[in-house]
Amino acid sequence: MIESFGNSEAKKIFEDGTCKKLPKVLLKRAILLLDIMDNVDNLEDLQAKGFPPDLRLHKLKGEHLGRFAIDINKISGWRITFEFSEGSFMRVAVEDYH
């Protein structure tokens, strides 16, 4: 379940299905992934229910240490980043941090 958001883009996509910063071709996928995140309580289910199955779930390093990321789109740099603890996704953000 999503407990908190780390940026306004993720919150707006989740609540309204809109975002001016995210390219429109990626918006539907971001909505789908956030919905999946809100309905699972572990990282294994997130990985299994993502479509395509390979979300490229990975731990981040450096200044993002302690956070995870999944690809919104394999080609673009847009990711959903988050912290995960005790069945909850926290500080969920939609960003292109590269």
PDB file of N, CA and C in Angstrom:
ATOM      1  N   MET A   1       0.844  -1.169   0.000  1.00  0.00           N
ATOM      2  CA  MET A   1       0.000   0.000   0.000  1.00  0.00           C
ATOM      3  C   MET A   1       0.897   1.242   0.000  1.00  0.00           C
ATOM      4  N   ILE A   2       0.449   2.273  -0.710  1.00  0.00           N
ATOM      5  CA  ILE A   2       1.189   3.529  -0.716  1.00  0.00           C
ATOM      6  C   ILE A   2       0.812   4.318   0.528  1.00  0.00           C
ATOM      7  N   GLU A   3       1.816   4.627   1.324  1.00  0.00           N
ATOM      8  CA  GLU A   3       1.602   5.360   2.573  1.00  0.00           C
ATOM      9  C   GLU A   3       1.854   6.859   2.415  1.00  0.00           C
ATOM     10  N   SER A   4       2.857   7.223   1.604  1.00  0.00           N
ATOM     11  CA  SER A   4       3.165   8.648   1.430  1.00  0.00           C
ATOM     12  C   SER A   4       3.845   8.890   0.090  1.00  0.00           C
ATOM     13  N   PHE A   5       3.802  10.139  -0.339  1.00  0.00           N
ATOM     14  CA  PHE A   5       4.404  10.531  -1.609  1.00  0.00           C
ATOM     15  C   PHE A   5       5.619  11.407  -1.374  1.00  0.00           C
ATOM     16  N   GLY A   6       6.601  11.256  -2.247  1.00  0.00           N
ATOM     17  CA  GLY A   6       7.833  12.023  -2.139  1.00  0.00           C
ATOM     18  C   GLY A   6       7.877  13.218  -3.060  1.00  0.00           C
ATOM     19  N   ASN A   7       6.941  13.267  -4.029  1.00  0.00           N
ATOM     20  CA  ASN A   7       6.844  14.458  -4.867  1.00  0.00           C
ATOM     21  C   ASN A   7       5.415  14.639  -5.366  1.00  0.00           C
ATOM     22  N   SER A   8       5.140  15.847  -5.823  1.00  0.00           N
ATOM     23  CA  SER A   8       3.779  16.187  -6.240  1.00  0.00           C
ATOM     24  C   SER A   8       3.382  15.456  -7.515  1.00  0.00           C
ATOM     25  N   GLU A   9       4.351  15.115  -8.357  1.00  0.00           N
ATOM     26  CA  GLU A   9       4.030  14.407  -9.591  1.00  0.00           C
ATOM     27  C   GLU A   9       3.392  13.052  -9.290  1.00  0.00           C
ATOM     28  N   ALA A  10       3.987  12.289  -8.395  1.00  0.00           N
ATOM     29  CA  ALA A  10       3.445  10.972  -8.051  1.00  0.00           C
ATOM     30  C   ALA A  10       2.054  11.094  -7.437  1.00  0.00           C
ATOM     31  N   LYS A  11       1.883  12.050  -6.557  1.00  0.00           N
ATOM     32  CA  LYS A  11       0.585  12.241  -5.903  1.00  0.00           C
ATOM     33  C   LYS A  11      -0.484  12.623  -6.919  1.00  0.00           C
ATOM     34  N   LYS A  12      -0.157  13.514  -7.828  1.00  0.00           N
ATOM     35  CA  LYS A  12      -1.126  13.967  -8.832  1.00  0.00           C
ATOM     36  C   LYS A  12      -1.493  12.827  -9.789  1.00  0.00           C
ATOM     37  N   ILE A  13      -0.503  12.060 -10.197  1.00  0.00           N
ATOM     38  CA  ILE A  13      -0.788  10.914 -11.068  1.00  0.00           C
ATOM     39  C   ILE A  13      -1.691   9.922 -10.348  1.00  0.00           C
ATOM     40  N   PHE A  14      -1.391   9.626  -9.095  1.00  0.00           N
ATOM     41  CA  PHE A  14      -2.167   8.653  -8.328  1.00  0.00           C
ATOM     42  C   PHE A  14      -3.592   9.137  -8.074  1.00  0.00           C
ATOM     43  N   GLU A  15      -3.748  10.399  -7.697  1.00  0.00           N
ATOM     44  CA  GLU A  15      -5.064  10.922  -7.325  1.00  0.00           C
ATOM     45  C   GLU A  15      -5.903  11.379  -8.514  1.00  0.00           C
ATOM     46  N   ASP A  16      -5.264  12.011  -9.512  1.00  0.00           N
ATOM     47  CA  ASP A  16      -6.017  12.623 -10.613  1.00  0.00           C
ATOM     48  C   ASP A  16      -5.759  11.993 -11.975  1.00  0.00           C
ATOM     49  N   GLY A  17      -4.711  11.197 -12.089  1.00  0.00           N
ATOM     50  CA  GLY A  17      -4.357  10.627 -13.383  1.00  0.00           C
ATOM     51  C   GLY A  17      -3.760  11.634 -14.344  1.00  0.00           C
ATOM     52  N   THR A  18      -3.178  12.712 -13.800  1.00  0.00           N
ATOM     53  CA  THR A  18      -2.584  13.742 -14.649  1.00  0.00           C
ATOM     54  C   THR A  18      -1.196  14.116 -14.140  1.00  0.00           C
ATOM     55  N   CYS A  19      -0.374  14.625 -15.064  1.00  0.00           N
ATOM     56  CA  CYS A  19       0.952  15.131 -14.705  1.00  0.00           C
ATOM     57  C   CYS A  19       1.514  15.869 -15.912  1.00  0.00           C
ATOM     58  N   LYS A  20       1.868  17.121 -15.720  1.00  0.00           N
ATOM     59  CA  LYS A  20       2.399  17.921 -16.826  1.00  0.00           C
ATOM     60  C   LYS A  20       3.842  17.567 -17.160  1.00  0.00           C
ATOM     61  N   LYS A  21       4.617  17.128 -16.184  1.00  0.00           N
ATOM     62  CA  LYS A  21       6.039  16.845 -16.413  1.00  0.00           C
ATOM     63  C   LYS A  21       6.282  15.508 -17.111  1.00  0.00           C
ATOM     64  N   LEU A  22       5.470  14.514 -16.812  1.00  0.00           N
ATOM     65  CA  LEU A  22       5.655  13.178 -17.377  1.00  0.00           C
ATOM     66  C   LEU A  22       5.113  13.144 -18.806  1.00  0.00           C
ATOM     67  N   PRO A  23       5.902  12.658 -19.766  1.00  0.00           N
ATOM     68  CA  PRO A  23       5.393  12.541 -21.137  1.00  0.00           C
ATOM     69  C   PRO A  23       4.108  11.712 -21.177  1.00  0.00           C
ATOM     70  N   LYS A  24       3.155  12.154 -21.986  1.00  0.00           N
ATOM     71  CA  LYS A  24       1.840  11.503 -22.038  1.00  0.00           C
ATOM     72  C   LYS A  24       1.920  10.024 -22.398  1.00  0.00           C
ATOM     73  N   VAL A  25       2.898   9.656 -23.211  1.00  0.00           N
ATOM     74  CA  VAL A  25       3.018   8.245 -23.598  1.00  0.00           C
ATOM     75  C   VAL A  25       3.364   7.351 -22.412  1.00  0.00           C
ATOM     76  N   LEU A  26       3.850   7.937 -21.324  1.00  0.00           N
ATOM     77  CA  LEU A  26       4.224   7.165 -20.134  1.00  0.00           C
ATOM     78  C   LEU A  26       3.181   7.244 -19.017  1.00  0.00           C
ATOM     79  N   LEU A  27       2.213   8.132 -19.162  1.00  0.00           N
ATOM     80  CA  LEU A  27       1.249   8.382 -18.090  1.00  0.00           C
ATOM     81  C   LEU A  27       0.416   7.147 -17.741  1.00  0.00           C
ATOM     82  N   LYS A  28      -0.131   6.458 -18.735  1.00  0.00           N
ATOM     83  CA  LYS A  28      -0.956   5.270 -18.455  1.00  0.00           C
ATOM     84  C   LYS A  28      -0.169   4.215 -17.685  1.00  0.00           C
ATOM     85  N   ARG A  29       1.060   4.022 -18.078  1.00  0.00           N
ATOM     86  CA  ARG A  29       1.911   3.028 -17.412  1.00  0.00           C
ATOM     87  C   ARG A  29       2.179   3.433 -15.967  1.00  0.00           C
ATOM     88  N   ALA A  30       2.436   4.718 -15.739  1.00  0.00           N
ATOM     89  CA  ALA A  30       2.675   5.203 -14.376  1.00  0.00           C
ATOM     90  C   ALA A  30       1.432   5.004 -13.509  1.00  0.00           C
ATOM     91  N   ILE A  31       0.264   5.291 -14.064  1.00  0.00           N
ATOM     92  CA  ILE A  31      -0.995   5.093 -13.333  1.00  0.00           C
ATOM     93  C   ILE A  31      -1.144   3.619 -12.954  1.00  0.00           C
ATOM     94  N   LEU A  32      -0.899   2.726 -13.907  1.00  0.00           N
ATOM     95  CA  LEU A  32      -1.005   1.284 -13.662  1.00  0.00           C
ATOM     96  C   LEU A  32      -0.043   0.834 -12.565  1.00  0.00           C
ATOM     97  N   LEU A  33       1.208   1.276 -12.643  1.00  0.00           N
ATOM     98  CA  LEU A  33       2.200   0.848 -11.652  1.00  0.00           C
ATOM     99  C   LEU A  33       1.879   1.372 -10.259  1.00  0.00           C
ATOM    100  N   LEU A  34       1.427   2.614 -10.157  1.00  0.00           N
ATOM    101  CA  LEU A  34       1.050   3.159  -8.847  1.00  0.00           C
ATOM    102  C   LEU A  34      -0.144   2.405  -8.273  1.00  0.00           C
ATOM    103  N   ASP A  35      -1.086   2.022  -9.129  1.00  0.00           N
ATOM    104  CA  ASP A  35      -2.242   1.246  -8.675  1.00  0.00           C
ATOM    105  C   ASP A  35      -1.796  -0.126  -8.159  1.00  0.00           C
ATOM    106  N   ILE A  36      -0.889  -0.760  -8.872  1.00  0.00           N
ATOM    107  CA  ILE A  36      -0.364  -2.051  -8.410  1.00  0.00           C
ATOM    108  C   ILE A  36       0.325  -1.882  -7.060  1.00  0.00           C
ATOM    109  N   MET A  37       1.157  -0.843  -6.944  1.00  0.00           N
ATOM    110  CA  MET A  37       1.862  -0.601  -5.679  1.00  0.00           C
ATOM    111  C   MET A  37       0.888  -0.416  -4.523  1.00  0.00           C
ATOM    112  N   ASP A  38      -0.235   0.227  -4.781  1.00  0.00           N
ATOM    113  CA  ASP A  38      -1.209   0.472  -3.724  1.00  0.00           C
ATOM    114  C   ASP A  38      -1.957  -0.799  -3.320  1.00  0.00           C
ATOM    115  N   ASN A  39      -1.870  -1.826  -4.156  1.00  0.00           N
ATOM    116  CA  ASN A  39      -2.624  -3.053  -3.889  1.00  0.00           C
ATOM    117  C   ASN A  39      -1.767  -4.266  -3.556  1.00  0.00           C
ATOM    118  N   VAL A  40      -0.484  -4.065  -3.319  1.00  0.00           N
ATOM    119  CA  VAL A  40       0.386  -5.166  -2.884  1.00  0.00           C
ATOM    120  C   VAL A  40       1.057  -4.782  -1.575  1.00  0.00           C
ATOM    121  N   ASP A  41       1.522  -5.793  -0.852  1.00  0.00           N
ATOM    122  CA  ASP A  41       2.173  -5.487   0.424  1.00  0.00           C
ATOM    123  C   ASP A  41       3.580  -6.063   0.532  1.00  0.00           C
ATOM    124  N   ASN A  42       4.135  -6.477  -0.620  1.00  0.00           N
ATOM    125  CA  ASN A  42       5.534  -6.914  -0.617  1.00  0.00           C
ATOM    126  C   ASN A  42       6.141  -6.716  -2.002  1.00  0.00           C
ATOM    127  N   LEU A  43       7.457  -6.700  -2.047  1.00  0.00           N
ATOM    128  CA  LEU A  43       8.162  -6.432  -3.303  1.00  0.00           C
ATOM    129  C   LEU A  43       8.031  -7.582  -4.296  1.00  0.00           C
ATOM    130  N   GLU A  44       7.862  -8.795  -3.810  1.00  0.00           N
ATOM    131  CA  GLU A  44       7.699  -9.944  -4.692  1.00  0.00           C
ATOM    132  C   GLU A  44       6.400  -9.835  -5.481  1.00  0.00           C
ATOM    133  N   ASP A  45       5.307  -9.428  -4.821  1.00  0.00           N
ATOM    134  CA  ASP A  45       4.037  -9.243  -5.524  1.00  0.00           C
ATOM    135  C   ASP A  45       4.122  -8.096  -6.519  1.00  0.00           C
ATOM    136  N   LEU A  46       4.824  -7.040  -6.165  1.00  0.00           N
ATOM    137  CA  LEU A  46       5.014  -5.926  -7.097  1.00  0.00           C
ATOM    138  C   LEU A  46       5.709  -6.431  -8.353  1.00  0.00           C
ATOM    139  N   GLN A  47       6.753  -7.201  -8.184  1.00  0.00           N
ATOM    140  CA  GLN A  47       7.504  -7.743  -9.319  1.00  0.00           C
ATOM    141  C   GLN A  47       6.630  -8.680 -10.149  1.00  0.00           C
ATOM    142  N   ALA A  48       5.831  -9.514  -9.498  1.00  0.00           N
ATOM    143  CA  ALA A  48       5.003 -10.498 -10.198  1.00  0.00           C
ATOM    144  C   ALA A  48       3.839  -9.866 -10.947  1.00  0.00           C
ATOM    145  N   LYS A  49       3.243  -8.813 -10.397  1.00  0.00           N
ATOM    146  CA  LYS A  49       2.049  -8.216 -10.996  1.00  0.00           C
ATOM    147  C   LYS A  49       2.359  -7.114 -11.995  1.00  0.00           C
ATOM    148  N   GLY A  50       3.596  -6.694 -12.052  1.00  0.00           N
ATOM    149  CA  GLY A  50       3.981  -5.678 -13.023  1.00  0.00           C
ATOM    150  C   GLY A  50       3.889  -6.233 -14.429  1.00  0.00           C
ATOM    151  N   PHE A  51       3.596  -5.379 -15.393  1.00  0.00           N
ATOM    152  CA  PHE A  51       3.529  -5.821 -16.776  1.00  0.00           C
ATOM    153  C   PHE A  51       4.265  -4.831 -17.639  1.00  0.00           C
ATOM    154  N   PRO A  52       5.255  -5.184 -18.435  1.00  0.00           N
ATOM    155  CA  PRO A  52       5.734  -6.552 -18.513  1.00  0.00           C
ATOM    156  C   PRO A  52       6.343  -6.977 -17.189  1.00  0.00           C
ATOM    157  N   PRO A  53       6.482  -8.279 -16.996  1.00  0.00           N
ATOM    158  CA  PRO A  53       6.944  -8.750 -15.690  1.00  0.00           C
ATOM    159  C   PRO A  53       8.262  -8.148 -15.221  1.00  0.00           C
ATOM    160  N   ASP A  54       9.135  -7.791 -16.137  1.00  0.00           N
ATOM    161  CA  ASP A  54      10.420  -7.234 -15.726  1.00  0.00           C
ATOM    162  C   ASP A  54      10.315  -5.728 -15.512  1.00  0.00           C
ATOM    163  N   LEU A  55      10.075  -5.329 -14.271  1.00  0.00           N
ATOM    164  CA  LEU A  55       9.997  -3.906 -13.921  1.00  0.00           C
ATOM    165  C   LEU A  55      11.379  -3.331 -13.659  1.00  0.00           C
ATOM    166  N   ARG A  56      12.361  -4.200 -13.652  1.00  0.00           N
ATOM    167  CA  ARG A  56      13.725  -3.824 -13.283  1.00  0.00           C
ATOM    168  C   ARG A  56      13.740  -3.202 -11.894  1.00  0.00           C
ATOM    169  N   LEU A  57      13.109  -3.880 -10.969  1.00  0.00           N
ATOM    170  CA  LEU A  57      13.125  -3.453  -9.570  1.00  0.00           C
ATOM    171  C   LEU A  57      14.557  -3.532  -9.075  1.00  0.00           C
ATOM    172  N   HIS A  58      15.067  -2.408  -8.560  1.00  0.00           N
ATOM    173  CA  HIS A  58      16.449  -2.404  -8.093  1.00  0.00           C
ATOM    174  C   HIS A  58      16.650  -1.408  -6.965  1.00  0.00           C
ATOM    175  N   LYS A  59      17.649  -1.714  -6.131  1.00  0.00           N
ATOM    176  CA  LYS A  59      18.027  -0.811  -5.046  1.00  0.00           C
ATOM    177  C   LYS A  59      18.874   0.305  -5.630  1.00  0.00           C
ATOM    178  N   LEU A  60      18.676   1.498  -5.105  1.00  0.00           N
ATOM    179  CA  LEU A  60      19.457   2.639  -5.570  1.00  0.00           C
ATOM    180  C   LEU A  60      20.684   2.840  -4.700  1.00  0.00           C
ATOM    181  N   LYS A  61      21.651   3.555  -5.248  1.00  0.00           N
ATOM    182  CA  LYS A  61      22.917   3.798  -4.548  1.00  0.00           C
ATOM    183  C   LYS A  61      23.150   5.297  -4.413  1.00  0.00           C
ATOM    184  N   GLY A  62      24.271   5.632  -3.826  1.00  0.00           N
ATOM    185  CA  GLY A  62      24.684   7.034  -3.729  1.00  0.00           C
ATOM    186  C   GLY A  62      23.716   7.868  -2.918  1.00  0.00           C
ATOM    187  N   GLU A  63      23.324   9.013  -3.463  1.00  0.00           N
ATOM    188  CA  GLU A  63      22.436   9.920  -2.735  1.00  0.00           C
ATOM    189  C   GLU A  63      21.026   9.358  -2.572  1.00  0.00           C
ATOM    190  N   HIS A  64      20.718   8.281  -3.302  1.00  0.00           N
ATOM    191  CA  HIS A  64      19.397   7.642  -3.211  1.00  0.00           C
ATOM    192  C   HIS A  64      19.443   6.352  -2.389  1.00  0.00           C
ATOM    193  N   LEU A  65      20.519   6.144  -1.652  1.00  0.00           N
ATOM    194  CA  LEU A  65      20.703   4.931  -0.851  1.00  0.00           C
ATOM    195  C   LEU A  65      19.508   4.719   0.082  1.00  0.00           C
ATOM    196  N   GLY A  66      19.019   3.489   0.138  1.00  0.00           N
ATOM    197  CA  GLY A  66      17.869   3.170   0.975  1.00  0.00           C
ATOM    198  C   GLY A  66      16.554   3.215   0.212  1.00  0.00           C
ATOM    199  N   ARG A  67      16.621   3.583  -1.069  1.00  0.00           N
ATOM    200  CA  ARG A  67      15.426   3.650  -1.904  1.00  0.00           C
ATOM    201  C   ARG A  67      15.499   2.579  -2.989  1.00  0.00           C
ATOM    202  N   PHE A  68      14.335   2.265  -3.544  1.00  0.00           N
ATOM    203  CA  PHE A  68      14.217   1.337  -4.660  1.00  0.00           C
ATOM    204  C   PHE A  68      13.687   2.104  -5.861  1.00  0.00           C
ATOM    205  N   ALA A  69      13.804   1.485  -7.037  1.00  0.00           N
ATOM    206  CA  ALA A  69      13.238   2.078  -8.247  1.00  0.00           C
ATOM    207  C   ALA A  69      12.668   0.984  -9.133  1.00  0.00           C
ATOM    208  N   ILE A  70      11.638   1.348  -9.889  1.00  0.00           N
ATOM    209  CA  ILE A  70      11.124   0.509 -10.969  1.00  0.00           C
ATOM    210  C   ILE A  70      11.026   1.393 -12.203  1.00  0.00           C
ATOM    211  N   ASP A  71      11.212   0.796 -13.363  1.00  0.00           N
ATOM    212  CA  ASP A  71      11.128   1.536 -14.620  1.00  0.00           C
ATOM    213  C   ASP A  71       9.671   1.777 -14.993  1.00  0.00           C
ATOM    214  N   ILE A  72       9.360   3.006 -15.364  1.00  0.00           N
ATOM    215  CA  ILE A  72       8.058   3.264 -15.980  1.00  0.00           C
ATOM    216  C   ILE A  72       8.131   2.773 -17.419  1.00  0.00           C
ATOM    217  N   ASN A  73       9.259   3.018 -18.036  1.00  0.00           N
ATOM    218  CA  ASN A  73       9.513   2.610 -19.406  1.00  0.00           C
ATOM    219  C   ASN A  73      10.987   2.264 -19.507  1.00  0.00           C
ATOM    220  N   LYS A  74      11.290   1.165 -20.136  1.00  0.00           N
ATOM    221  CA  LYS A  74      12.674   0.684 -20.201  1.00  0.00           C
ATOM    222  C   LYS A  74      13.603   1.661 -20.926  1.00  0.00           C
ATOM    223  N   ILE A  75      13.086   2.350 -21.930  1.00  0.00           N
ATOM    224  CA  ILE A  75      13.910   3.230 -22.752  1.00  0.00           C
ATOM    225  C   ILE A  75      14.097   4.608 -22.114  1.00  0.00           C
ATOM    226  N   SER A  76      13.060   5.141 -21.521  1.00  0.00           N
ATOM    227  CA  SER A  76      13.145   6.484 -20.935  1.00  0.00           C
ATOM    228  C   SER A  76      13.883   6.427 -19.599  1.00  0.00           C
ATOM    229  N   GLY A  77      14.220   7.573 -19.069  1.00  0.00           N
ATOM    230  CA  GLY A  77      14.853   7.631 -17.753  1.00  0.00           C
ATOM    231  C   GLY A  77      13.853   7.754 -16.623  1.00  0.00           C
ATOM    232  N   TRP A  78      12.561   7.738 -16.931  1.00  0.00           N
ATOM    233  CA  TRP A  78      11.533   7.927 -15.906  1.00  0.00           C
ATOM    234  C   TRP A  78      11.373   6.676 -15.062  1.00  0.00           C
ATOM    235  N   ARG A  79      11.383   6.884 -13.746  1.00  0.00           N
ATOM    236  CA  ARG A  79      11.266   5.800 -12.773  1.00  0.00           C
ATOM    237  C   ARG A  79      10.258   6.173 -11.684  1.00  0.00           C
ATOM    238  N   ILE A  80       9.761   5.161 -11.012  1.00  0.00           N
ATOM    239  CA  ILE A  80       9.047   5.367  -9.757  1.00  0.00           C
ATOM    240  C   ILE A  80      10.022   4.935  -8.679  1.00  0.00           C
ATOM    241  N   THR A  81      10.353   5.847  -7.782  1.00  0.00           N
ATOM    242  CA  THR A  81      11.284   5.546  -6.697  1.00  0.00           C
ATOM    243  C   THR A  81      10.516   5.548  -5.385  1.00  0.00           C
ATOM    244  N   PHE A  82      11.022   4.782  -4.423  1.00  0.00           N
ATOM    245  CA  PHE A  82      10.293   4.655  -3.164  1.00  0.00           C
ATOM    246  C   PHE A  82      11.161   4.022  -2.097  1.00  0.00           C
ATOM    247  N   GLU A  83      10.705   4.154  -0.874  1.00  0.00           N
ATOM    248  CA  GLU A  83      11.241   3.403   0.255  1.00  0.00           C
ATOM    249  C   GLU A  83      10.195   2.357   0.587  1.00  0.00           C
ATOM    250  N   PHE A  84      10.613   1.223   1.124  1.00  0.00           N
ATOM    251  CA  PHE A  84       9.680   0.153   1.447  1.00  0.00           C
ATOM    252  C   PHE A  84       9.977  -0.385   2.831  1.00  0.00           C
ATOM    253  N   SER A  85       8.932  -0.470   3.658  1.00  0.00           N
ATOM    254  CA  SER A  85       9.091  -1.014   5.001  1.00  0.00           C
ATOM    255  C   SER A  85       7.759  -1.543   5.503  1.00  0.00           C
ATOM    256  N   GLU A  86       7.785  -2.726   6.061  1.00  0.00           N
ATOM    257  CA  GLU A  86       6.621  -3.330   6.714  1.00  0.00           C
ATOM    258  C   GLU A  86       5.359  -3.272   5.857  1.00  0.00           C
ATOM    259  N   GLY A  87       5.484  -3.616   4.582  1.00  0.00           N
ATOM    260  CA  GLY A  87       4.329  -3.691   3.703  1.00  0.00           C
ATOM    261  C   GLY A  87       3.849  -2.377   3.135  1.00  0.00           C
ATOM    262  N   SER A  88       4.582  -1.302   3.349  1.00  0.00           N
ATOM    263  CA  SER A  88       4.155   0.017   2.868  1.00  0.00           C
ATOM    264  C   SER A  88       5.210   0.665   1.981  1.00  0.00           C
ATOM    265  N   PHE A  89       4.719   1.323   0.937  1.00  0.00           N
ATOM    266  CA  PHE A  89       5.564   2.121   0.059  1.00  0.00           C
ATOM    267  C   PHE A  89       5.518   3.554   0.567  1.00  0.00           C
ATOM    268  N   MET A  90       6.681   4.125   0.814  1.00  0.00           N
ATOM    269  CA  MET A  90       6.753   5.473   1.383  1.00  0.00           C
ATOM    270  C   MET A  90       7.593   6.375   0.495  1.00  0.00           C
ATOM    271  N   ARG A  91       7.290   7.666   0.560  1.00  0.00           N
ATOM    272  CA  ARG A  91       7.999   8.684  -0.215  1.00  0.00           C
ATOM    273  C   ARG A  91       8.079   8.289  -1.688  1.00  0.00           C
ATOM    274  N   VAL A  92       6.937   7.846  -2.220  1.00  0.00           N
ATOM    275  CA  VAL A  92       6.850   7.422  -3.614  1.00  0.00           C
ATOM    276  C   VAL A  92       6.992   8.654  -4.507  1.00  0.00           C
ATOM    277  N   ALA A  93       7.895   8.563  -5.479  1.00  0.00           N
ATOM    278  CA  ALA A  93       8.144   9.690  -6.374  1.00  0.00           C
ATOM    279  C   ALA A  93       8.219   9.205  -7.817  1.00  0.00           C
ATOM    280  N   VAL A  94       7.746  10.038  -8.725  1.00  0.00           N
ATOM    281  CA  VAL A  94       7.911   9.800 -10.155  1.00  0.00           C
ATOM    282  C   VAL A  94       8.960  10.791 -10.615  1.00  0.00           C
ATOM    283  N   GLU A  95      10.067  10.269 -11.147  1.00  0.00           N
ATOM    284  CA  GLU A  95      11.168  11.167 -11.485  1.00  0.00           C
ATOM    285  C   GLU A  95      12.081  10.588 -12.557  1.00  0.00           C
ATOM    286  N   ASP A  96      12.806  11.484 -13.188  1.00  0.00           N
ATOM    287  CA  ASP A  96      13.876  11.121 -14.112  1.00  0.00           C
ATOM    288  C   ASP A  96      15.148  11.644 -13.475  1.00  0.00           C
ATOM    289  N   TYR A  97      15.805  10.825 -12.672  1.00  0.00           N
ATOM    290  CA  TYR A  97      16.941  11.282 -11.876  1.00  0.00           C
ATOM    291  C   TYR A  97      18.277  11.107 -12.588  1.00  0.00           C
ATOM    292  N   HIS A  98      18.274  10.620 -13.807  1.00  0.00           N
ATOM    293  CA  HIS A  98      19.540  10.447 -14.544  1.00  0.00           C
ATOM    294  C   HIS A  98      19.936  11.714 -15.255  1.00  0.00           C
TER     295      HIS A  98
END
